[in-house]
């Protein structure tokens, strides 16, 4: 198992309780600009999104996905992450509020053909109306073909500066190609 698989297995282990499938979206034959999960029930402790995605076009590297909650596109989000590519580590953090949480990445259309990037996003205490919502993510494409392709591992986290319960999640920012898939799970409390 490669390093990304090892870390992903740690993220997807069941430290909180049982996982229940809420919804799955698979992009059809036409590329899709965004994916939304709506009418999210408040009956879980946490949420998890598991995705495997690729962007259309010719961009190499790892383009970012933008996530928003409850259609809030105001300056309500903070984000930080670090990434590694070929042994070079870069870090990013912003204390300024922004209009989305861009802390997850997927495969660019210019990557080796048919390479999709996996990602896991945990959203904690999403229905708690007494605190801001936080998310952590692990993502990154790896072609495992040659050094010319950009292979990334990106770990990120962010906060939505709102006490509202999350009832809708939208992931967008780039066009997702056919077969990109996003699955939302509810995590029961331990």
Protein backbone atom coordinates (compact mmCIF):
# COMPACT_ATOMS: atom_id res chain seq x y z
CA UNK A 1 0.00 0.00 0.00
CA UNK A 2 1.36 3.44 -0.89
CA UNK A 3 1.61 6.34 1.56
CA UNK A 4 -1.66 7.94 0.38
CA UNK A 5 -3.49 4.63 0.85
CA UNK A 6 -2.01 4.23 4.32
CA UNK A 7 -3.03 7.73 5.42
CA UNK A 8 -6.48 7.36 3.81
CA UNK A 9 -7.08 4.16 5.77
CA UNK A 10 -6.39 6.10 8.97
CA UNK A 11 -8.85 8.83 7.97
CA UNK A 12 -11.54 6.33 7.01
CA UNK A 13 -11.21 4.11 10.07
CA UNK A 14 -14.21 4.25 12.38
CA UNK A 15 -13.07 6.17 15.46
CA UNK A 16 -16.43 7.90 15.92
CA UNK A 17 -18.98 5.15 15.38
CA UNK A 18 -20.74 3.61 12.41
CA UNK A 19 -20.97 5.10 8.92
CA UNK A 20 -24.25 5.29 7.00
CA UNK A 21 -24.56 6.21 3.34
CA UNK A 22 -26.62 9.37 2.78
CA UNK A 23 -26.14 10.01 -0.96
CA UNK A 24 -23.79 9.35 -3.89
CA UNK A 25 -23.34 11.50 -7.00
CA UNK A 26 -21.60 10.14 -10.10
CA UNK A 27 -20.87 12.54 -12.96
CA UNK A 28 -22.46 11.38 -16.23
CA UNK A 29 -21.32 11.75 -19.82
CA UNK A 30 -21.39 15.57 -19.66
CA UNK A 31 -18.85 17.26 -17.38
CA UNK A 32 -20.37 18.90 -14.33
CA UNK A 33 -19.37 22.25 -12.79
CA UNK A 34 -20.44 21.34 -9.26
CA UNK A 35 -21.92 18.62 -7.08
CA UNK A 36 -24.38 19.28 -4.26
CA UNK A 37 -25.74 17.31 -1.36
CA UNK A 38 -29.02 18.82 -0.15
CA UNK A 39 -31.51 18.23 2.68
CA UNK A 40 -28.80 16.69 4.86
CA UNK A 41 -30.47 15.21 7.95
CA UNK A 42 -29.29 16.41 11.38
CA UNK A 43 -29.31 12.91 12.88
CA UNK A 44 -25.56 12.24 12.73
CA UNK A 45 -22.61 13.43 14.79
CA UNK A 46 -20.23 14.09 11.87
CA UNK A 47 -20.18 13.85 8.06
CA UNK A 48 -17.65 12.37 5.67
CA UNK A 49 -17.32 12.90 1.91
CA UNK A 50 -15.33 10.36 -0.07
CA UNK A 51 -14.52 11.39 -3.60
CA UNK A 52 -12.53 10.37 -6.63
CA UNK A 53 -12.41 13.08 -9.27
CA UNK A 54 -10.72 14.50 -12.34
CA UNK A 55 -11.00 17.92 -14.02
CA UNK A 56 -11.64 18.41 -17.72
CA UNK A 57 -9.26 20.48 -19.90
CA UNK A 58 -5.46 20.42 -19.99
CA UNK A 59 -4.38 21.63 -16.53
CA UNK A 60 -1.66 19.52 -14.95
CA UNK A 61 -1.06 19.27 -11.25
CA UNK A 62 -3.76 19.32 -8.66
CA UNK A 63 -6.50 21.93 -9.16
CA UNK A 64 -8.46 22.84 -6.08
CA UNK A 65 -12.08 22.11 -5.28
CA UNK A 66 -14.18 24.80 -3.66
CA UNK A 67 -16.60 23.78 -0.94
CA UNK A 68 -19.40 25.90 0.47
CA UNK A 69 -22.07 25.17 3.06
CA UNK A 70 -25.74 26.23 2.84
CA UNK A 71 -25.06 28.32 -0.30
CA UNK A 72 -22.94 30.74 1.78
CA UNK A 73 -20.54 32.46 -0.64
CA UNK A 74 -19.78 35.39 1.65
CA UNK A 75 -16.42 35.80 3.35
CA UNK A 76 -17.14 33.12 5.96
CA UNK A 77 -14.33 30.57 5.54
CA UNK A 78 -10.71 30.14 6.60
CA UNK A 79 -8.37 27.47 5.28
CA UNK A 80 -4.88 26.08 5.68
CA UNK A 81 -3.06 23.12 4.16
CA UNK A 82 0.28 21.66 3.31
CA UNK A 83 1.26 19.70 0.24
CA UNK A 84 4.19 17.71 -0.94
CA UNK A 85 5.29 17.08 -4.50
CA UNK A 86 8.54 15.26 -5.30
CA UNK A 87 9.79 15.85 -1.76
CA UNK A 88 9.08 19.60 -1.77
CA UNK A 89 6.70 20.70 0.99
CA UNK A 90 4.62 23.86 0.66
CA UNK A 91 2.29 25.30 3.28
CA UNK A 92 -0.56 27.79 3.02
CA UNK A 93 -2.61 29.48 5.67
CA UNK A 94 -4.89 32.47 5.68
CA UNK A 95 -6.20 34.42 8.59
CA UNK A 96 -8.44 36.33 6.21
CA UNK A 97 -11.97 35.23 5.58
CA UNK A 98 -12.70 34.00 2.06
CA UNK A 99 -15.75 32.97 0.03
CA UNK A 100 -15.14 29.18 0.02
CA UNK A 101 -13.09 26.46 1.63
CA UNK A 102 -10.46 25.36 -0.89
CA UNK A 103 -8.56 22.70 1.03
CA UNK A 104 -8.99 19.67 -1.23
CA UNK A 105 -7.53 18.76 -4.59
CA UNK A 106 -8.08 16.38 -7.49
CA UNK A 107 -6.44 15.36 -10.78
CA UNK A 108 -6.03 17.95 -13.52
CA UNK A 109 -7.16 17.10 -17.05
CA UNK A 110 -3.53 17.34 -18.21
CA UNK A 111 -2.45 14.48 -15.94
CA UNK A 112 -1.84 11.03 -17.42
CA UNK A 113 -5.03 9.82 -19.11
CA UNK A 114 -7.63 8.26 -16.82
CA UNK A 115 -5.90 9.31 -13.56
CA UNK A 116 -8.45 10.27 -10.90
CA UNK A 117 -7.54 11.58 -7.45
CA UNK A 118 -9.03 10.20 -4.23
CA UNK A 119 -9.99 12.41 -1.31
CA UNK A 120 -11.59 12.12 2.12
CA UNK A 121 -13.20 15.09 3.84
CA UNK A 122 -14.41 14.95 7.46
CA UNK A 123 -16.87 17.61 8.62
CA UNK A 124 -17.15 17.70 12.39
CA UNK A 125 -20.22 18.54 14.50
CA UNK A 126 -22.05 19.75 11.39
CA UNK A 127 -25.44 20.04 13.15
CA UNK A 128 -24.16 21.72 16.34
CA UNK A 129 -25.55 25.28 16.47
CA UNK A 130 -23.25 26.37 19.29
CA UNK A 131 -19.97 26.53 17.38
CA UNK A 132 -18.28 27.08 14.03
CA UNK A 133 -17.90 24.05 11.74
CA UNK A 134 -14.49 22.56 10.96
CA UNK A 135 -13.32 20.22 8.21
CA UNK A 136 -10.16 18.23 7.54
CA UNK A 137 -9.24 16.70 4.23
CA UNK A 138 -6.69 14.42 2.64
CA UNK A 139 -6.38 14.35 -1.13
CA UNK A 140 -4.01 14.23 -4.06
CA UNK A 141 -3.44 12.69 -7.47
CA UNK A 142 -0.70 10.22 -8.21
CA UNK A 143 -0.18 8.74 -11.66
CA UNK A 144 2.56 6.33 -10.55
CA UNK A 145 3.71 6.41 -14.16
CA UNK A 146 6.67 8.75 -14.55
CA UNK A 147 8.37 11.71 -12.97
CA UNK A 148 6.93 14.10 -15.56
CA UNK A 149 3.52 13.92 -13.91
CA UNK A 150 2.94 15.88 -10.75
CA UNK A 151 2.21 13.63 -7.79
CA UNK A 152 0.73 15.37 -4.77
CA UNK A 153 -0.35 14.62 -1.25
CA UNK A 154 -2.35 17.44 0.29
CA UNK A 155 -3.62 17.64 3.86
CA UNK A 156 -5.88 20.54 4.66
CA UNK A 157 -8.35 21.89 7.12
CA UNK A 158 -10.65 24.81 7.39
CA UNK A 159 -13.51 26.42 9.24
CA UNK A 160 -16.89 27.80 8.31
CA UNK A 161 -17.46 30.78 10.58
CA UNK A 162 -21.14 30.09 11.18
CA UNK A 163 -23.12 28.42 13.93
CA UNK A 164 -25.83 27.29 11.49
CA UNK A 165 -26.38 23.57 11.05
CA UNK A 166 -25.09 22.34 7.68
CA UNK A 167 -27.99 21.23 5.48
CA UNK A 168 -26.35 21.62 2.06
CA UNK A 169 -22.81 21.03 0.77
CA UNK A 170 -21.68 22.20 -2.67
CA UNK A 171 -18.36 21.16 -4.22
CA UNK A 172 -17.30 23.02 -7.36
CA UNK A 173 -14.77 25.36 -8.87
CA UNK A 174 -13.86 23.27 -11.89
CA UNK A 175 -15.67 20.92 -14.27
CA UNK A 176 -15.62 17.33 -13.09
CA UNK A 177 -15.35 14.72 -15.86
CA UNK A 178 -17.44 11.60 -16.39
CA UNK A 179 -17.04 8.93 -13.70
CA UNK A 180 -16.00 11.42 -11.01
CA UNK A 181 -17.84 10.32 -7.88
CA UNK A 182 -18.75 11.89 -4.53
CA UNK A 183 -20.30 9.93 -1.66
CA UNK A 184 -21.68 11.50 1.53
CA UNK A 185 -21.74 9.49 4.75
CA UNK A 186 -23.22 10.26 8.15
CA UNK A 187 -21.18 9.17 11.17
CA UNK A 188 -23.14 8.11 14.23
CA UNK A 189 -21.73 9.11 17.61
CA UNK A 190 -19.68 6.53 19.51
